[in-house]
Amino acid sequence: MIILKKNSNEICKYLFKEGVLYAKKDYNLAKHPQIDVPNLQVIKLMQSFKSKEYVRETFSWQYYYWYLTNDGIEHLRNYLNLRSEIVPATLKKSAKPPGRPFGSGPPGNRPR
């Protein structure tokens, strides 16, 4: 299937930014809910990436889910000309909210 370069770039940018991508198994859907490209093109490009082992696929309840692999991250970095410091959202560490340090409360006011 021929996929326009512009559409391929949009799909790859979204996949790299998020680290995951989903699509409903509806080949006639006019456009993907998250990306402004036809749903069929998303599915076909991800099938190609799956055959090259750039993504791992899961199918459940009429939805495809694709997760980037390490090889896929490297491929998309080269394809999109990104620096190695830039990582998908799935690999970013979430900051823990600062908690109360031990011993900072008033003495004798502990739960028993």
PDB file of N, CA and C in Angstrom:
ATOM      1  N   MET A   1       0.842  -1.177   0.000  1.00  0.00           N
ATOM      2  CA  MET A   1       0.000   0.000   0.000  1.00  0.00           C
ATOM      3  C   MET A   1       0.887   1.241   0.000  1.00  0.00           C
ATOM      4  N   ILE A   2       0.534   2.211  -0.788  1.00  0.00           N
ATOM      5  CA  ILE A   2       1.299   3.450  -0.859  1.00  0.00           C
ATOM      6  C   ILE A   2       0.781   4.415   0.209  1.00  0.00           C
ATOM      7  N   ILE A   3       1.680   4.843   1.078  1.00  0.00           N
ATOM      8  CA  ILE A   3       1.351   5.801   2.131  1.00  0.00           C
ATOM      9  C   ILE A   3       2.149   7.065   1.860  1.00  0.00           C
ATOM     10  N   LEU A   4       1.475   8.194   1.853  1.00  0.00           N
ATOM     11  CA  LEU A   4       2.156   9.462   1.616  1.00  0.00           C
ATOM     12  C   LEU A   4       3.226   9.707   2.674  1.00  0.00           C
ATOM     13  N   LYS A   5       4.309  10.326   2.262  1.00  0.00           N
ATOM     14  CA  LYS A   5       5.421  10.629   3.170  1.00  0.00           C
ATOM     15  C   LYS A   5       4.941  11.491   4.345  1.00  0.00           C
ATOM     16  N   LYS A   6       4.063  12.445   4.061  1.00  0.00           N
ATOM     17  CA  LYS A   6       3.528  13.326   5.106  1.00  0.00           C
ATOM     18  C   LYS A   6       2.773  12.513   6.159  1.00  0.00           C
ATOM     19  N   ASN A   7       1.937  11.571   5.708  1.00  0.00           N
ATOM     20  CA  ASN A   7       1.170  10.740   6.633  1.00  0.00           C
ATOM     21  C   ASN A   7       2.080   9.804   7.416  1.00  0.00           C
ATOM     22  N   SER A   8       3.061   9.244   6.737  1.00  0.00           N
ATOM     23  CA  SER A   8       4.015   8.366   7.408  1.00  0.00           C
ATOM     24  C   SER A   8       4.775   9.125   8.496  1.00  0.00           C
ATOM     25  N   ASN A   9       5.180  10.352   8.195  1.00  0.00           N
ATOM     26  CA  ASN A   9       5.883  11.166   9.189  1.00  0.00           C
ATOM     27  C   ASN A   9       4.998  11.466  10.394  1.00  0.00           C
ATOM     28  N   GLU A  10       3.728  11.779  10.155  1.00  0.00           N
ATOM     29  CA  GLU A  10       2.807  12.079  11.256  1.00  0.00           C
ATOM     30  C   GLU A  10       2.635  10.864  12.172  1.00  0.00           C
ATOM     31  N   ILE A  11       2.484   9.688  11.572  1.00  0.00           N
ATOM     32  CA  ILE A  11       2.320   8.464  12.355  1.00  0.00           C
ATOM     33  C   ILE A  11       3.582   8.187  13.161  1.00  0.00           C
ATOM     34  N   CYS A  12       4.738   8.310  12.528  1.00  0.00           N
ATOM     35  CA  CYS A  12       6.007   8.036  13.213  1.00  0.00           C
ATOM     36  C   CYS A  12       6.270   9.034  14.331  1.00  0.00           C
ATOM     37  N   LYS A  13       5.963  10.307  14.105  1.00  0.00           N
ATOM     38  CA  LYS A  13       6.149  11.315  15.154  1.00  0.00           C
ATOM     39  C   LYS A  13       5.291  10.997  16.370  1.00  0.00           C
ATOM     40  N   TYR A  14       4.022  10.653  16.129  1.00  0.00           N
ATOM     41  CA  TYR A  14       3.124  10.342  17.238  1.00  0.00           C
ATOM     42  C   TYR A  14       3.591   9.087  17.972  1.00  0.00           C
ATOM     43  N   LEU A  15       3.964   8.062  17.228  1.00  0.00           N
ATOM     44  CA  LEU A  15       4.420   6.815  17.840  1.00  0.00           C
ATOM     45  C   LEU A  15       5.664   7.045  18.682  1.00  0.00           C
ATOM     46  N   PHE A  16       6.605   7.843  18.179  1.00  0.00           N
ATOM     47  CA  PHE A  16       7.825   8.083  18.947  1.00  0.00           C
ATOM     48  C   PHE A  16       7.538   8.942  20.175  1.00  0.00           C
ATOM     49  N   LYS A  17       6.673   9.930  20.030  1.00  0.00           N
ATOM     50  CA  LYS A  17       6.375  10.823  21.152  1.00  0.00           C
ATOM     51  C   LYS A  17       5.708  10.064  22.293  1.00  0.00           C
ATOM     52  N   GLU A  18       4.730   9.217  21.975  1.00  0.00           N
ATOM     53  CA  GLU A  18       3.971   8.516  23.003  1.00  0.00           C
ATOM     54  C   GLU A  18       4.582   7.169  23.387  1.00  0.00           C
ATOM     55  N   GLY A  19       5.201   6.489  22.441  1.00  0.00           N
ATOM     56  CA  GLY A  19       5.750   5.162  22.713  1.00  0.00           C
ATOM     57  C   GLY A  19       4.752   4.047  22.467  1.00  0.00           C
ATOM     58  N   VAL A  20       3.477   4.397  22.388  1.00  0.00           N
ATOM     59  CA  VAL A  20       2.408   3.426  22.121  1.00  0.00           C
ATOM     60  C   VAL A  20       1.435   4.038  21.123  1.00  0.00           C
ATOM     61  N   LEU A  21       0.696   3.165  20.442  1.00  0.00           N
ATOM     62  CA  LEU A  21      -0.295   3.616  19.467  1.00  0.00           C
ATOM     63  C   LEU A  21      -1.407   2.582  19.434  1.00  0.00           C
ATOM     64  N   TYR A  22      -2.634   3.043  19.281  1.00  0.00           N
ATOM     65  CA  TYR A  22      -3.751   2.116  19.147  1.00  0.00           C
ATOM     66  C   TYR A  22      -4.564   2.490  17.917  1.00  0.00           C
ATOM     67  N   ALA A  23      -5.323   1.521  17.414  1.00  0.00           N
ATOM     68  CA  ALA A  23      -6.224   1.784  16.289  1.00  0.00           C
ATOM     69  C   ALA A  23      -7.362   0.772  16.337  1.00  0.00           C
ATOM     70  N   LYS A  24      -8.557   1.242  16.047  1.00  0.00           N
ATOM     71  CA  LYS A  24      -9.708   0.358  15.971  1.00  0.00           C
ATOM     72  C   LYS A  24      -9.615  -0.468  14.695  1.00  0.00           C
ATOM     73  N   LYS A  25     -10.052  -1.716  14.771  1.00  0.00           N
ATOM     74  CA  LYS A  25     -10.030  -2.572  13.584  1.00  0.00           C
ATOM     75  C   LYS A  25     -11.222  -2.203  12.697  1.00  0.00           C
ATOM     76  N   ASP A  26     -11.097  -1.044  12.070  1.00  0.00           N
ATOM     77  CA  ASP A  26     -12.110  -0.540  11.151  1.00  0.00           C
ATOM     78  C   ASP A  26     -11.368   0.047   9.960  1.00  0.00           C
ATOM     79  N   TYR A  27     -11.309  -0.717   8.880  1.00  0.00           N
ATOM     80  CA  TYR A  27     -10.524  -0.314   7.722  1.00  0.00           C
ATOM     81  C   TYR A  27     -11.184   0.821   6.935  1.00  0.00           C
ATOM     82  N   ASN A  28     -12.450   1.089   7.190  1.00  0.00           N
ATOM     83  CA  ASN A  28     -13.165   2.137   6.467  1.00  0.00           C
ATOM     84  C   ASN A  28     -13.253   3.445   7.248  1.00  0.00           C
ATOM     85  N   LEU A  29     -12.682   3.487   8.433  1.00  0.00           N
ATOM     86  CA  LEU A  29     -12.712   4.701   9.250  1.00  0.00           C
ATOM     87  C   LEU A  29     -11.968   5.818   8.530  1.00  0.00           C
ATOM     88  N   ALA A  30     -12.603   6.973   8.410  1.00  0.00           N
ATOM     89  CA  ALA A  30     -12.037   8.068   7.609  1.00  0.00           C
ATOM     90  C   ALA A  30     -10.699   8.553   8.143  1.00  0.00           C
ATOM     91  N   LYS A  31     -10.599   8.716   9.466  1.00  0.00           N
ATOM     92  CA  LYS A  31      -9.313   9.139  10.017  1.00  0.00           C
ATOM     93  C   LYS A  31      -9.140   8.569  11.412  1.00  0.00           C
ATOM     94  N   HIS A  32      -7.897   8.446  11.814  1.00  0.00           N
ATOM     95  CA  HIS A  32      -7.548   7.945  13.134  1.00  0.00           C
ATOM     96  C   HIS A  32      -7.959   8.989  14.173  1.00  0.00           C
ATOM     97  N   PRO A  33      -8.434   8.575  15.360  1.00  0.00           N
ATOM     98  CA  PRO A  33      -8.883   9.552  16.355  1.00  0.00           C
ATOM     99  C   PRO A  33      -7.779  10.486  16.874  1.00  0.00           C
ATOM    100  N   GLN A  34      -6.538  10.028  16.934  1.00  0.00           N
ATOM    101  CA  GLN A  34      -5.450  10.838  17.484  1.00  0.00           C
ATOM    102  C   GLN A  34      -4.625  11.547  16.412  1.00  0.00           C
ATOM    103  N   ILE A  35      -4.530  10.952  15.235  1.00  0.00           N
ATOM    104  CA  ILE A  35      -3.680  11.469  14.167  1.00  0.00           C
ATOM    105  C   ILE A  35      -4.575  11.774  12.968  1.00  0.00           C
ATOM    106  N   ASP A  36      -4.271  12.822  12.241  1.00  0.00           N
ATOM    107  CA  ASP A  36      -5.105  13.228  11.112  1.00  0.00           C
ATOM    108  C   ASP A  36      -4.697  12.487   9.832  1.00  0.00           C
ATOM    109  N   VAL A  37      -4.752  11.162   9.882  1.00  0.00           N
ATOM    110  CA  VAL A  37      -4.473  10.313   8.718  1.00  0.00           C
ATOM    111  C   VAL A  37      -5.523   9.196   8.695  1.00  0.00           C
ATOM    112  N   PRO A  38      -5.765   8.581   7.543  1.00  0.00           N
ATOM    113  CA  PRO A  38      -6.723   7.468   7.489  1.00  0.00           C
ATOM    114  C   PRO A  38      -6.295   6.301   8.391  1.00  0.00           C
ATOM    115  N   ASN A  39      -7.287   5.709   9.040  1.00  0.00           N
ATOM    116  CA  ASN A  39      -7.027   4.615   9.974  1.00  0.00           C
ATOM    117  C   ASN A  39      -6.357   3.429   9.279  1.00  0.00           C
ATOM    118  N   LEU A  40      -6.729   3.159   8.033  1.00  0.00           N
ATOM    119  CA  LEU A  40      -6.139   2.050   7.287  1.00  0.00           C
ATOM    120  C   LEU A  40      -4.634   2.234   7.121  1.00  0.00           C
ATOM    121  N   GLN A  41      -4.191   3.462   6.875  1.00  0.00           N
ATOM    122  CA  GLN A  41      -2.760   3.717   6.709  1.00  0.00           C
ATOM    123  C   GLN A  41      -2.005   3.494   8.015  1.00  0.00           C
ATOM    124  N   VAL A  42      -2.624   3.837   9.141  1.00  0.00           N
ATOM    125  CA  VAL A  42      -1.996   3.585  10.445  1.00  0.00           C
ATOM    126  C   VAL A  42      -1.818   2.085  10.639  1.00  0.00           C
ATOM    127  N   ILE A  43      -2.870   1.318  10.373  1.00  0.00           N
ATOM    128  CA  ILE A  43      -2.809  -0.133  10.565  1.00  0.00           C
ATOM    129  C   ILE A  43      -1.759  -0.758   9.654  1.00  0.00           C
ATOM    130  N   LYS A  44      -1.728  -0.364   8.396  1.00  0.00           N
ATOM    131  CA  LYS A  44      -0.783  -0.963   7.446  1.00  0.00           C
ATOM    132  C   LYS A  44       0.663  -0.599   7.768  1.00  0.00           C
ATOM    133  N   LEU A  45       0.922   0.641   8.181  1.00  0.00           N
ATOM    134  CA  LEU A  45       2.289   1.018   8.546  1.00  0.00           C
ATOM    135  C   LEU A  45       2.738   0.258   9.789  1.00  0.00           C
ATOM    136  N   MET A  46       1.833   0.077  10.745  1.00  0.00           N
ATOM    137  CA  MET A  46       2.193  -0.661  11.956  1.00  0.00           C
ATOM    138  C   MET A  46       2.389  -2.148  11.656  1.00  0.00           C
ATOM    139  N   GLN A  47       1.654  -2.701  10.685  1.00  0.00           N
ATOM    140  CA  GLN A  47       1.895  -4.088  10.277  1.00  0.00           C
ATOM    141  C   GLN A  47       3.292  -4.225   9.692  1.00  0.00           C
ATOM    142  N   SER A  48       3.711  -3.230   8.930  1.00  0.00           N
ATOM    143  CA  SER A  48       5.060  -3.234   8.367  1.00  0.00           C
ATOM    144  C   SER A  48       6.102  -3.152   9.480  1.00  0.00           C
ATOM    145  N   PHE A  49       5.877  -2.262  10.456  1.00  0.00           N
ATOM    146  CA  PHE A  49       6.808  -2.134  11.584  1.00  0.00           C
ATOM    147  C   PHE A  49       6.850  -3.422  12.408  1.00  0.00           C
ATOM    148  N   LYS A  50       5.697  -4.098  12.522  1.00  0.00           N
ATOM    149  CA  LYS A  50       5.659  -5.350  13.281  1.00  0.00           C
ATOM    150  C   LYS A  50       6.503  -6.422  12.590  1.00  0.00           C
ATOM    151  N   SER A  51       6.451  -6.490  11.259  1.00  0.00           N
ATOM    152  CA  SER A  51       7.231  -7.495  10.537  1.00  0.00           C
ATOM    153  C   SER A  51       8.733  -7.233  10.663  1.00  0.00           C
ATOM    154  N   LYS A  52       9.105  -5.968  10.867  1.00  0.00           N
ATOM    155  CA  LYS A  52      10.520  -5.616  11.061  1.00  0.00           C
ATOM    156  C   LYS A  52      10.910  -5.625  12.534  1.00  0.00           C
ATOM    157  N   GLU A  53       9.942  -5.982  13.405  1.00  0.00           N
ATOM    158  CA  GLU A  53      10.119  -6.052  14.859  1.00  0.00           C
ATOM    159  C   GLU A  53      10.468  -4.700  15.477  1.00  0.00           C
ATOM    160  N   TYR A  54       9.887  -3.632  14.930  1.00  0.00           N
ATOM    161  CA  TYR A  54      10.034  -2.299  15.519  1.00  0.00           C
ATOM    162  C   TYR A  54       8.959  -2.048  16.567  1.00  0.00           C
ATOM    163  N   VAL A  55       7.838  -2.774  16.474  1.00  0.00           N
ATOM    164  CA  VAL A  55       6.763  -2.659  17.454  1.00  0.00           C
ATOM    165  C   VAL A  55       6.309  -4.057  17.859  1.00  0.00           C
ATOM    166  N   ARG A  56       5.679  -4.125  19.025  1.00  0.00           N
ATOM    167  CA  ARG A  56       5.057  -5.347  19.515  1.00  0.00           C
ATOM    168  C   ARG A  56       3.554  -5.113  19.477  1.00  0.00           C
ATOM    169  N   GLU A  57       2.803  -6.073  18.957  1.00  0.00           N
ATOM    170  CA  GLU A  57       1.365  -5.878  18.750  1.00  0.00           C
ATOM    171  C   GLU A  57       0.548  -6.715  19.713  1.00  0.00           C
ATOM    172  N   THR A  58      -0.524  -6.106  20.203  1.00  0.00           N
ATOM    173  CA  THR A  58      -1.527  -6.797  21.000  1.00  0.00           C
ATOM    174  C   THR A  58      -2.880  -6.462  20.393  1.00  0.00           C
ATOM    175  N   PHE A  59      -3.764  -7.456  20.312  1.00  0.00           N
ATOM    176  CA  PHE A  59      -5.100  -7.222  19.765  1.00  0.00           C
ATOM    177  C   PHE A  59      -6.124  -7.656  20.793  1.00  0.00           C
ATOM    178  N   SER A  60      -7.023  -6.735  21.145  1.00  0.00           N
ATOM    179  CA  SER A  60      -8.039  -7.053  22.133  1.00  0.00           C
ATOM    180  C   SER A  60      -9.287  -6.215  21.883  1.00  0.00           C
ATOM    181  N   TRP A  61     -10.436  -6.861  21.876  1.00  0.00           N
ATOM    182  CA  TRP A  61     -11.721  -6.191  21.760  1.00  0.00           C
ATOM    183  C   TRP A  61     -11.772  -5.243  20.559  1.00  0.00           C
ATOM    184  N   GLN A  62     -11.384  -5.735  19.408  1.00  0.00           N
ATOM    185  CA  GLN A  62     -11.438  -4.999  18.138  1.00  0.00           C
ATOM    186  C   GLN A  62     -10.520  -3.785  18.089  1.00  0.00           C
ATOM    187  N   TYR A  63      -9.497  -3.753  18.930  1.00  0.00           N
ATOM    188  CA  TYR A  63      -8.500  -2.677  18.898  1.00  0.00           C
ATOM    189  C   TYR A  63      -7.108  -3.282  18.815  1.00  0.00           C
ATOM    190  N   TYR A  64      -6.278  -2.682  17.972  1.00  0.00           N
ATOM    191  CA  TYR A  64      -4.865  -3.022  17.905  1.00  0.00           C
ATOM    192  C   TYR A  64      -4.118  -2.090  18.852  1.00  0.00           C
ATOM    193  N   TYR A  65      -3.130  -2.628  19.553  1.00  0.00           N
ATOM    194  CA  TYR A  65      -2.245  -1.824  20.394  1.00  0.00           C
ATOM    195  C   TYR A  65      -0.816  -2.147  19.984  1.00  0.00           C
ATOM    196  N   TRP A  66      -0.023  -1.124  19.723  1.00  0.00           N
ATOM    197  CA  TRP A  66       1.369  -1.320  19.334  1.00  0.00           C
ATOM    198  C   TRP A  66       2.276  -0.609  20.322  1.00  0.00           C
ATOM    199  N   TYR A  67       3.344  -1.300  20.737  1.00  0.00           N
ATOM    200  CA  TYR A  67       4.314  -0.765  21.690  1.00  0.00           C
ATOM    201  C   TYR A  67       5.679  -0.757  21.017  1.00  0.00           C
ATOM    202  N   LEU A  68       6.390   0.356  21.119  1.00  0.00           N
ATOM    203  CA  LEU A  68       7.716   0.468  20.508  1.00  0.00           C
ATOM    204  C   LEU A  68       8.713  -0.457  21.191  1.00  0.00           C
ATOM    205  N   THR A  69       9.555  -1.098  20.411  1.00  0.00           N
ATOM    206  CA  THR A  69      10.664  -1.877  20.950  1.00  0.00           C
ATOM    207  C   THR A  69      11.923  -1.014  20.902  1.00  0.00           C
ATOM    208  N   ASN A  70      13.008  -1.510  21.483  1.00  0.00           N
ATOM    209  CA  ASN A  70      14.270  -0.760  21.454  1.00  0.00           C
ATOM    210  C   ASN A  70      14.763  -0.562  20.021  1.00  0.00           C
ATOM    211  N   ASP A  71      14.612  -1.592  19.180  1.00  0.00           N
ATOM    212  CA  ASP A  71      14.991  -1.451  17.767  1.00  0.00           C
ATOM    213  C   ASP A  71      14.130  -0.394  17.076  1.00  0.00           C
ATOM    214  N   GLY A  72      12.857  -0.357  17.429  1.00  0.00           N
ATOM    215  CA  GLY A  72      11.963   0.635  16.851  1.00  0.00           C
ATOM    216  C   GLY A  72      12.317   2.052  17.269  1.00  0.00           C
ATOM    217  N   ILE A  73      12.737   2.218  18.511  1.00  0.00           N
ATOM    218  CA  ILE A  73      13.158   3.540  18.986  1.00  0.00           C
ATOM    219  C   ILE A  73      14.364   4.013  18.193  1.00  0.00           C
ATOM    220  N   GLU A  74      15.335   3.128  18.001  1.00  0.00           N
ATOM    221  CA  GLU A  74      16.533   3.504  17.233  1.00  0.00           C
ATOM    222  C   GLU A  74      16.181   3.824  15.779  1.00  0.00           C
ATOM    223  N   HIS A  75      15.311   3.004  15.190  1.00  0.00           N
ATOM    224  CA  HIS A  75      14.909   3.247  13.798  1.00  0.00           C
ATOM    225  C   HIS A  75      14.217   4.600  13.650  1.00  0.00           C
ATOM    226  N   LEU A  76      13.288   4.908  14.557  1.00  0.00           N
ATOM    227  CA  LEU A  76      12.563   6.175  14.461  1.00  0.00           C
ATOM    228  C   LEU A  76      13.466   7.370  14.756  1.00  0.00           C
ATOM    229  N   ARG A  77      14.445   7.194  15.632  1.00  0.00           N
ATOM    230  CA  ARG A  77      15.414   8.279  15.869  1.00  0.00           C
ATOM    231  C   ARG A  77      16.156   8.610  14.582  1.00  0.00           C
ATOM    232  N   ASN A  78      16.584   7.578  13.864  1.00  0.00           N
ATOM    233  CA  ASN A  78      17.280   7.801  12.591  1.00  0.00           C
ATOM    234  C   ASN A  78      16.332   8.378  11.537  1.00  0.00           C
ATOM    235  N   TYR A  79      15.121   7.866  11.470  1.00  0.00           N
ATOM    236  CA  TYR A  79      14.145   8.296  10.468  1.00  0.00           C
ATOM    237  C   TYR A  79      13.724   9.750  10.682  1.00  0.00           C
ATOM    238  N   LEU A  80      13.537  10.130  11.960  1.00  0.00           N
ATOM    239  CA  LEU A  80      13.076  11.485  12.276  1.00  0.00           C
ATOM    240  C   LEU A  80      14.222  12.447  12.588  1.00  0.00           C
ATOM    241  N   ASN A  81      15.459  11.962  12.512  1.00  0.00           N
ATOM    242  CA  ASN A  81      16.651  12.776  12.793  1.00  0.00           C
ATOM    243  C   ASN A  81      16.598  13.407  14.184  1.00  0.00           C
ATOM    244  N   LEU A  82      16.419  12.566  15.207  1.00  0.00           N
ATOM    245  CA  LEU A  82      16.337  13.040  16.587  1.00  0.00           C
ATOM    246  C   LEU A  82      17.608  12.702  17.348  1.00  0.00           C
ATOM    247  N   ARG A  83      17.890  13.504  18.371  1.00  0.00           N
ATOM    248  CA  ARG A  83      19.053  13.244  19.224  1.00  0.00           C
ATOM    249  C   ARG A  83      18.773  12.050  20.134  1.00  0.00           C
ATOM    250  N   SER A  84      19.829  11.458  20.661  1.00  0.00           N
ATOM    251  CA  SER A  84      19.671  10.274  21.505  1.00  0.00           C
ATOM    252  C   SER A  84      19.100  10.613  22.878  1.00  0.00           C
ATOM    253  N   GLU A  85      19.115  11.900  23.278  1.00  0.00           N
ATOM    254  CA  GLU A  85      18.560  12.283  24.579  1.00  0.00           C
ATOM    255  C   GLU A  85      17.033  12.273  24.565  1.00  0.00           C
ATOM    256  N   ILE A  86      16.451  12.373  23.389  1.00  0.00           N
ATOM    257  CA  ILE A  86      14.995  12.409  23.276  1.00  0.00           C
ATOM    258  C   ILE A  86      14.472  10.978  23.337  1.00  0.00           C
ATOM    259  N   VAL A  87      13.537  10.727  24.279  1.00  0.00           N
ATOM    260  CA  VAL A  87      12.993   9.384  24.463  1.00  0.00           C
ATOM    261  C   VAL A  87      11.467   9.452  24.430  1.00  0.00           C
ATOM    262  N   PRO A  88      10.803   8.333  24.125  1.00  0.00           N
ATOM    263  CA  PRO A  88       9.340   8.297  24.151  1.00  0.00           C
ATOM    264  C   PRO A  88       8.803   8.502  25.570  1.00  0.00           C
ATOM    265  N   ALA A  89       7.552   8.883  25.665  1.00  0.00           N
ATOM    266  CA  ALA A  89       6.923   9.154  26.963  1.00  0.00           C
ATOM    267  C   ALA A  89       6.891   7.912  27.850  1.00  0.00           C
ATOM    268  N   THR A  90       6.879   6.729  27.263  1.00  0.00           N
ATOM    269  CA  THR A  90       6.828   5.510  28.071  1.00  0.00           C
ATOM    270  C   THR A  90       8.140   5.245  28.798  1.00  0.00           C
ATOM    271  N   LEU A  91       9.233   5.856  28.360  1.00  0.00           N
ATOM    272  CA  LEU A  91      10.525   5.643  29.012  1.00  0.00           C
ATOM    273  C   LEU A  91      10.908   6.771  29.957  1.00  0.00           C
ATOM    274  N   LYS A  92      10.107   7.816  30.026  1.00  0.00           N
ATOM    275  CA  LYS A  92      10.411   8.932  30.923  1.00  0.00           C
ATOM    276  C   LYS A  92      10.002   8.569  32.337  1.00  0.00           C
ATOM    277  N   LYS A  93      10.838   8.937  33.292  1.00  0.00           N
ATOM    278  CA  LYS A  93      10.521   8.692  34.694  1.00  0.00           C
ATOM    279  C   LYS A  93       9.538   9.759  35.159  1.00  0.00           C
ATOM    280  N   SER A  94       8.512   9.325  35.865  1.00  0.00           N
ATOM    281  CA  SER A  94       7.564  10.296  36.404  1.00  0.00           C
ATOM    282  C   SER A  94       8.094  10.801  37.740  1.00  0.00           C
ATOM    283  N   ALA A  95       7.987  12.091  37.957  1.00  0.00           N
ATOM    284  CA  ALA A  95       8.482  12.693  39.195  1.00  0.00           C
ATOM    285  C   ALA A  95       7.508  12.382  40.323  1.00  0.00           C
ATOM    286  N   LYS A  96       8.036  11.882  41.430  1.00  0.00           N
ATOM    287  CA  LYS A  96       7.196  11.591  42.580  1.00  0.00           C
ATOM    288  C   LYS A  96       6.896  12.895  43.307  1.00  0.00           C
ATOM    289  N   PRO A  97       5.675  13.052  43.784  1.00  0.00           N
ATOM    290  CA  PRO A  97       5.373  14.268  44.528  1.00  0.00           C
ATOM    291  C   PRO A  97       6.163  14.280  45.840  1.00  0.00           C
ATOM    292  N   PRO A  98       6.640  15.447  46.242  1.00  0.00           N
ATOM    293  CA  PRO A  98       7.426  15.489  47.477  1.00  0.00           C
ATOM    294  C   PRO A  98       6.555  15.112  48.665  1.00  0.00           C
ATOM    295  N   GLY A  99       7.026  14.154  49.428  1.00  0.00           N
ATOM    296  CA  GLY A  99       6.295  13.695  50.593  1.00  0.00           C
ATOM    297  C   GLY A  99       6.796  14.386  51.854  1.00  0.00           C
ATOM    298  N   ARG A 100       6.123  14.147  52.930  1.00  0.00           N
ATOM    299  CA  ARG A 100       6.533  14.716  54.201  1.00  0.00           C
ATOM    300  C   ARG A 100       7.710  13.919  54.729  1.00  0.00           C
ATOM    301  N   PRO A 101       8.810  14.558  55.065  1.00  0.00           N
ATOM    302  CA  PRO A 101       9.950  13.812  55.602  1.00  0.00           C
ATOM    303  C   PRO A 101       9.621  13.240  56.980  1.00  0.00           C
ATOM    304  N   PHE A 102      10.298  12.168  57.313  1.00  0.00           N
ATOM    305  CA  PHE A 102      10.061  11.526  58.601  1.00  0.00           C
ATOM    306  C   PHE A 102      10.479  12.448  59.739  1.00  0.00           C
ATOM    307  N   GLY A 103       9.664  12.471  60.785  1.00  0.00           N
ATOM    308  CA  GLY A 103      10.012  13.231  61.982  1.00  0.00           C
ATOM    309  C   GLY A 103       9.708  14.708  61.895  1.00  0.00           C
ATOM    310  N   SER A 104       8.956  15.147  60.901  1.00  0.00           N
ATOM    311  CA  SER A 104       8.714  16.583  60.795  1.00  0.00           C
ATOM    312  C   SER A 104       7.404  16.995  61.467  1.00  0.00           C
ATOM    313  N   GLY A 105       6.603  16.044  61.894  1.00  0.00           N
ATOM    314  CA  GLY A 105       5.334  16.380  62.534  1.00  0.00           C
ATOM    315  C   GLY A 105       5.527  16.710  64.009  1.00  0.00           C
ATOM    316  N   PRO A 106       4.494  17.218  64.649  1.00  0.00           N
ATOM    317  CA  PRO A 106       4.609  17.523  66.078  1.00  0.00           C
ATOM    318  C   PRO A 106       4.772  16.244  66.890  1.00  0.00           C
ATOM    319  N   PRO A 107       5.577  16.276  67.936  1.00  0.00           N
ATOM    320  CA  PRO A 107       5.819  15.067  68.737  1.00  0.00           C
ATOM    321  C   PRO A 107       4.548  14.618  69.454  1.00  0.00           C
ATOM    322  N   GLY A 108       4.386  13.316  69.569  1.00  0.00           N
ATOM    323  CA  GLY A 108       3.263  12.750  70.296  1.00  0.00           C
ATOM    324  C   GLY A 108       1.948  12.788  69.531  1.00  0.00           C
ATOM    325  N   ASN A 109       1.962  13.174  68.292  1.00  0.00           N
ATOM    326  CA  ASN A 109       0.738  13.283  67.506  1.00  0.00           C
ATOM    327  C   ASN A 109       0.720  12.221  66.412  1.00  0.00           C
ATOM    328  N   ARG A 110       1.134  11.007  66.753  1.00  0.00           N
ATOM    329  CA  ARG A 110       1.204   9.926  65.774  1.00  0.00           C
ATOM    330  C   ARG A 110      -0.057   9.085  65.821  1.00  0.00           C
ATOM    331  N   PRO A 111      -0.442   8.515  64.697  1.00  0.00           N
ATOM    332  CA  PRO A 111      -1.566   7.564  64.734  1.00  0.00           C
ATOM    333  C   PRO A 111      -1.133   6.271  65.409  1.00  0.00           C
ATOM    334  N   ARG A 112      -2.034   5.657  66.121  1.00  0.00           N
ATOM    335  CA  ARG A 112      -1.688   4.437  66.865  1.00  0.00           C
ATOM    336  C   ARG A 112      -2.384   3.253  66.288  1.00  0.00           C
TER     337      ARG A 112
END
